[in-house]
Amino acid sequence: MSKIHPNYENPLKEIIYSDDKQADSPINLTVWKKSSMSFQGMDGFTVFNQQGKLVYRVDNYSRKNRCLIGGLVLMDGIGRALMTLRPRLLSMQYQWNGYEGGEDTCKNAPNTPIFSMRRRSIRRKSNEEAEIFFSNTDSVKSILPDLRIEGSFRKRKCSIVTHDGKKVAEMSRKKVNNTTVVLNDDVFSLVVEPGFNCDIVMAFVVIMDRICQKPFMPVLCSSSS
């Protein structure tokens, strides 16, 4: 498993780059966004590699609880917690922080996120969906993000790029094998470029599902008849 501990001499390289020396080709993943028809806002993710093996999952959670402290837990295929993703309360923009480990680990460790992700600033160019800032890098004190999400997440057509334009990962609509038939947007492809950390890229995707969606009106806020 790729390490995601910050390195204080070169934190950006340590966080986003994988330590898997054998990763010399892109990693192709199929992401399934699962939804429940029985309760509005219940959803999650299952992610499979090219061999059809379950490699990541986010179990069902309620979108109406966006402002709760608990956040979301990204797990590997066997249910081991990799990262906890939490919304930042009272933020002017939708902003989420990513922490290493599960809920219990976060409670017992210093409350320092690995990264923060937010909707793009209105001062940035319009083709950018979101901005990512890593902890312990100079960008934390700067308005310039370490990574950017360009394109449209809602259309499943976007890329994650570094501050200097290098592609980290790309998302696109999933096609049926050897055809031009495109599946619905609940199923999409995620290609992670060689040498980049798949765990943290998948964490970005989970957060993008929250901050780049159409406006959602929670059930608790709807008026009763």
Protein backbone atom coordinates (compact mmCIF):
# COMPACT_ATOMS: atom_id res chain seq x y z
CA MET A 1 0.00 0.00 0.00
CA SER A 2 1.32 3.42 -0.89
CA LYS A 3 2.43 5.54 2.01
CA ILE A 4 0.80 8.89 2.59
CA HIS A 5 2.81 10.21 5.51
CA PRO A 6 4.00 13.80 4.97
CA ASN A 7 7.70 14.36 4.42
CA TYR A 8 8.73 17.74 5.77
CA GLU A 9 11.63 18.19 3.35
CA ASN A 10 9.53 17.47 0.27
CA PRO A 11 5.95 16.96 1.49
CA LEU A 12 4.18 17.24 -1.86
CA LYS A 13 6.32 14.51 -3.43
CA GLU A 14 5.89 12.23 -0.42
CA ILE A 15 2.09 12.60 -0.27
CA ILE A 16 0.98 12.37 -3.88
CA TYR A 17 3.67 10.11 -5.34
CA SER A 18 3.51 6.36 -4.80
CA ASP A 19 6.42 4.34 -3.42
CA ASP A 20 5.50 1.42 -5.71
CA LYS A 21 8.54 1.15 -7.96
CA GLN A 22 6.78 -1.39 -10.20
CA ALA A 23 4.02 1.02 -11.18
CA ASP A 24 5.33 1.80 -14.68
CA SER A 25 1.95 1.94 -16.41
CA PRO A 26 -1.35 3.70 -15.68
CA ILE A 27 -3.71 2.07 -13.19
CA ASN A 28 -7.22 1.65 -14.58
CA LEU A 29 -10.08 1.55 -12.09
CA THR A 30 -13.83 1.21 -12.50
CA VAL A 31 -15.81 3.28 -10.00
CA TRP A 32 -19.40 2.36 -9.16
CA LYS A 33 -21.42 4.98 -7.35
CA LYS A 34 -24.06 3.07 -5.43
CA SER A 35 -27.36 4.67 -4.50
CA SER A 36 -30.32 3.60 -2.44
CA MET A 37 -33.81 3.99 -3.88
CA SER A 38 -35.36 3.65 -0.43
CA PHE A 39 -33.90 6.76 1.22
CA GLN A 40 -32.89 10.04 -0.36
CA GLY A 41 -29.19 10.80 -0.03
CA MET A 42 -27.88 7.32 0.82
CA ASP A 43 -24.90 6.46 -1.35
CA GLY A 44 -21.36 5.19 -1.46
CA PHE A 45 -18.71 3.74 -3.77
CA THR A 46 -17.21 0.43 -4.81
CA VAL A 47 -14.05 0.46 -6.92
CA PHE A 48 -12.60 -2.41 -8.95
CA ASN A 49 -9.26 -2.87 -10.71
CA GLN A 50 -8.72 -4.30 -14.20
CA GLN A 51 -8.85 -7.84 -12.83
CA GLY A 52 -12.28 -7.23 -11.31
CA LYS A 53 -10.95 -7.22 -7.74
CA LEU A 54 -12.56 -4.90 -5.20
CA VAL A 55 -9.85 -2.43 -4.18
CA TYR A 56 -11.73 0.45 -2.51
CA ARG A 57 -15.10 1.08 -0.98
CA VAL A 58 -17.04 3.73 0.87
CA ASP A 59 -20.01 2.23 2.68
CA ASN A 60 -23.44 3.84 2.63
CA TYR A 61 -23.68 7.25 4.22
CA SER A 62 -26.34 9.91 4.31
CA ARG A 63 -25.81 13.04 2.22
CA LYS A 64 -28.13 14.97 4.51
CA ASN A 65 -25.50 14.56 7.25
CA ARG A 66 -22.93 16.60 5.30
CA CYS A 67 -22.32 18.88 8.27
CA LEU A 68 -21.82 16.16 10.85
CA ILE A 69 -18.38 15.70 12.39
CA GLY A 70 -18.00 12.02 11.51
CA GLY A 71 -17.24 12.42 7.83
CA LEU A 72 -16.59 9.55 5.43
CA VAL A 73 -14.14 6.65 5.63
CA LEU A 74 -12.32 5.40 2.54
CA MET A 75 -11.52 1.70 2.93
CA ASP A 76 -9.60 -0.85 0.93
CA GLY A 77 -11.25 -3.95 -0.49
CA ILE A 78 -11.17 -5.88 2.79
CA GLY A 79 -12.61 -3.05 4.86
CA ARG A 80 -9.40 -1.60 6.30
CA ALA A 81 -9.70 2.16 6.87
CA LEU A 82 -7.28 4.19 4.77
CA MET A 83 -8.45 7.77 5.15
CA THR A 84 -11.13 9.75 6.95
CA LEU A 85 -12.68 12.64 5.02
CA ARG A 86 -14.42 15.38 6.95
CA PRO A 87 -16.23 18.57 5.93
CA ARG A 88 -14.89 21.78 7.37
CA LEU A 89 -17.70 23.43 9.26
CA LEU A 90 -18.77 27.02 8.63
CA SER A 91 -16.66 27.26 5.49
CA MET A 92 -17.60 29.91 2.93
CA GLN A 93 -16.90 27.31 0.23
CA TYR A 94 -17.50 23.60 0.45
CA GLN A 95 -14.20 22.48 1.95
CA TRP A 96 -13.15 19.02 3.11
CA ASN A 97 -10.06 17.78 4.93
CA GLY A 98 -8.40 14.38 4.53
CA TYR A 99 -6.84 12.54 7.48
CA GLU A 100 -4.86 9.32 7.48
CA GLY A 101 -6.53 6.27 9.02
CA GLY A 102 -10.02 5.60 10.33
CA GLU A 103 -12.20 7.46 12.81
CA ASP A 104 -10.49 5.92 15.85
CA THR A 105 -7.03 6.79 14.55
CA CYS A 106 -8.06 10.39 13.92
CA LYS A 107 -9.44 10.74 17.45
CA ASN A 108 -6.14 9.63 18.99
CA ALA A 109 -3.80 11.48 16.63
CA PRO A 110 -2.98 15.17 16.15
CA ASN A 111 -5.81 16.90 14.32
CA THR A 112 -3.69 17.83 11.29
CA PRO A 113 -5.10 16.96 7.87
CA ILE A 114 -2.99 15.56 5.05
CA PHE A 115 -4.78 17.79 2.59
CA SER A 116 -7.66 20.23 2.20
CA MET A 117 -9.92 20.32 -0.84
CA ARG A 118 -12.39 23.03 -1.74
CA ARG A 119 -14.48 24.35 -4.57
CA ARG A 120 -12.50 26.60 -6.84
CA SER A 121 -12.18 30.25 -5.95
CA ILE A 122 -14.29 32.59 -8.06
CA ARG A 123 -11.04 34.32 -8.95
CA ARG A 124 -9.69 31.19 -10.64
CA LYS A 125 -10.42 30.25 -14.24
CA SER A 126 -13.85 28.74 -14.84
CA ASN A 127 -12.77 25.32 -16.13
CA GLU A 128 -11.47 24.39 -12.68
CA GLU A 129 -13.81 22.47 -10.39
CA ALA A 130 -11.77 22.32 -7.20
CA GLU A 131 -8.45 23.12 -5.56
CA ILE A 132 -6.30 20.91 -3.34
CA PHE A 133 -3.80 22.15 -0.77
CA PHE A 134 -1.42 19.82 1.06
CA SER A 135 -0.41 20.37 4.66
CA ASN A 136 3.18 21.38 5.43
CA THR A 137 3.75 22.86 1.99
CA ASP A 138 4.28 26.47 1.07
CA SER A 139 0.92 26.47 -0.72
CA VAL A 140 -0.89 26.38 2.61
CA LYS A 141 0.16 29.99 3.04
CA SER A 142 -0.45 30.77 -0.62
CA ILE A 143 -3.51 31.23 -2.79
CA LEU A 144 -2.03 28.80 -5.34
CA PRO A 145 -3.16 25.16 -4.94
CA ASP A 146 -0.87 22.13 -5.16
CA LEU A 147 -3.37 20.30 -7.38
CA ARG A 148 -6.36 21.33 -9.48
CA ILE A 149 -9.39 19.48 -10.78
CA GLU A 150 -10.13 20.64 -14.32
CA GLY A 151 -13.22 19.84 -16.37
CA SER A 152 -16.61 18.64 -15.16
CA PHE A 153 -17.01 16.02 -12.46
CA ARG A 154 -20.77 15.90 -12.95
CA LYS A 155 -20.21 14.96 -16.60
CA ARG A 156 -17.50 12.47 -15.55
CA LYS A 157 -14.99 14.30 -17.70
CA CYS A 158 -12.23 15.83 -15.62
CA SER A 159 -8.56 15.59 -14.77
CA ILE A 160 -6.44 16.07 -11.67
CA VAL A 161 -3.28 18.03 -12.47
CA THR A 162 -0.34 19.40 -10.52
CA HIS A 163 0.41 23.09 -10.16
CA ASP A 164 2.70 22.88 -13.21
CA GLY A 165 0.16 21.05 -15.38
CA LYS A 166 1.32 17.44 -15.00
CA LYS A 167 -1.59 15.01 -15.16
CA VAL A 168 -2.15 12.91 -12.02
CA ALA A 169 -5.40 11.16 -12.95
CA GLU A 170 -8.28 11.35 -15.40
CA MET A 171 -11.95 10.47 -15.11
CA SER A 172 -14.26 9.57 -18.00
CA ARG A 173 -17.55 7.86 -18.77
CA LYS A 174 -17.31 4.07 -18.77
CA LYS A 175 -17.82 2.27 -22.08
CA VAL A 176 -18.90 -1.32 -22.63
CA ASN A 177 -15.85 -3.35 -23.70
CA ASN A 178 -14.97 -3.01 -27.40
CA THR A 179 -18.03 -0.85 -28.11
CA THR A 180 -19.00 2.80 -28.22
CA VAL A 181 -21.86 2.21 -25.79
CA VAL A 182 -21.52 4.51 -22.76
CA LEU A 183 -22.87 3.44 -19.38
CA ASN A 184 -24.77 5.82 -17.12
CA ASP A 185 -22.81 8.22 -14.97
CA ASP A 186 -23.06 6.01 -11.88
CA VAL A 187 -20.27 3.94 -13.46
CA PHE A 188 -17.11 5.68 -14.63
CA SER A 189 -13.45 5.07 -15.34
CA LEU A 190 -10.59 6.45 -13.27
CA VAL A 191 -7.07 6.25 -14.70
CA VAL A 192 -4.21 7.07 -12.32
CA GLU A 193 -0.93 7.91 -13.99
CA PRO A 194 2.21 5.87 -13.16
CA GLY A 195 3.88 6.71 -9.87
CA PHE A 196 0.96 8.50 -8.25
CA ASN A 197 -0.78 7.45 -5.04
CA CYS A 198 -4.09 5.72 -5.85
CA ASP A 199 -5.36 5.94 -2.26
CA ILE A 200 -5.25 9.69 -2.12
CA VAL A 201 -6.59 10.08 -5.68
CA MET A 202 -9.62 7.99 -4.73
CA ALA A 203 -10.09 10.21 -1.67
CA PHE A 204 -10.25 13.20 -4.03
CA VAL A 205 -12.97 11.47 -6.07
CA VAL A 206 -15.09 10.81 -2.97
CA ILE A 207 -14.89 14.47 -1.96
CA MET A 208 -15.60 15.68 -5.49
CA ASP A 209 -18.85 13.75 -5.34
CA ARG A 210 -19.82 16.02 -2.45
CA ILE A 211 -18.61 19.43 -3.55
CA CYS A 212 -19.19 19.24 -7.32
CA GLN A 213 -22.76 17.96 -7.36
CA LYS A 214 -25.97 19.77 -8.18
CA PRO A 215 -27.39 21.70 -5.21
CA PHE A 216 -28.93 19.24 -2.78
CA MET A 217 -31.81 20.07 -0.48
CA PRO A 218 -31.63 17.88 2.64
CA VAL A 219 -34.79 16.16 3.75
CA LEU A 220 -34.63 17.84 7.16
CA CYS A 221 -34.68 21.28 5.53
CA SER A 222 -37.68 20.67 3.31
CA SER A 223 -40.98 22.21 4.29
CA SER A 224 -43.69 19.88 5.49
CA SER A 225 -47.12 19.94 3.95
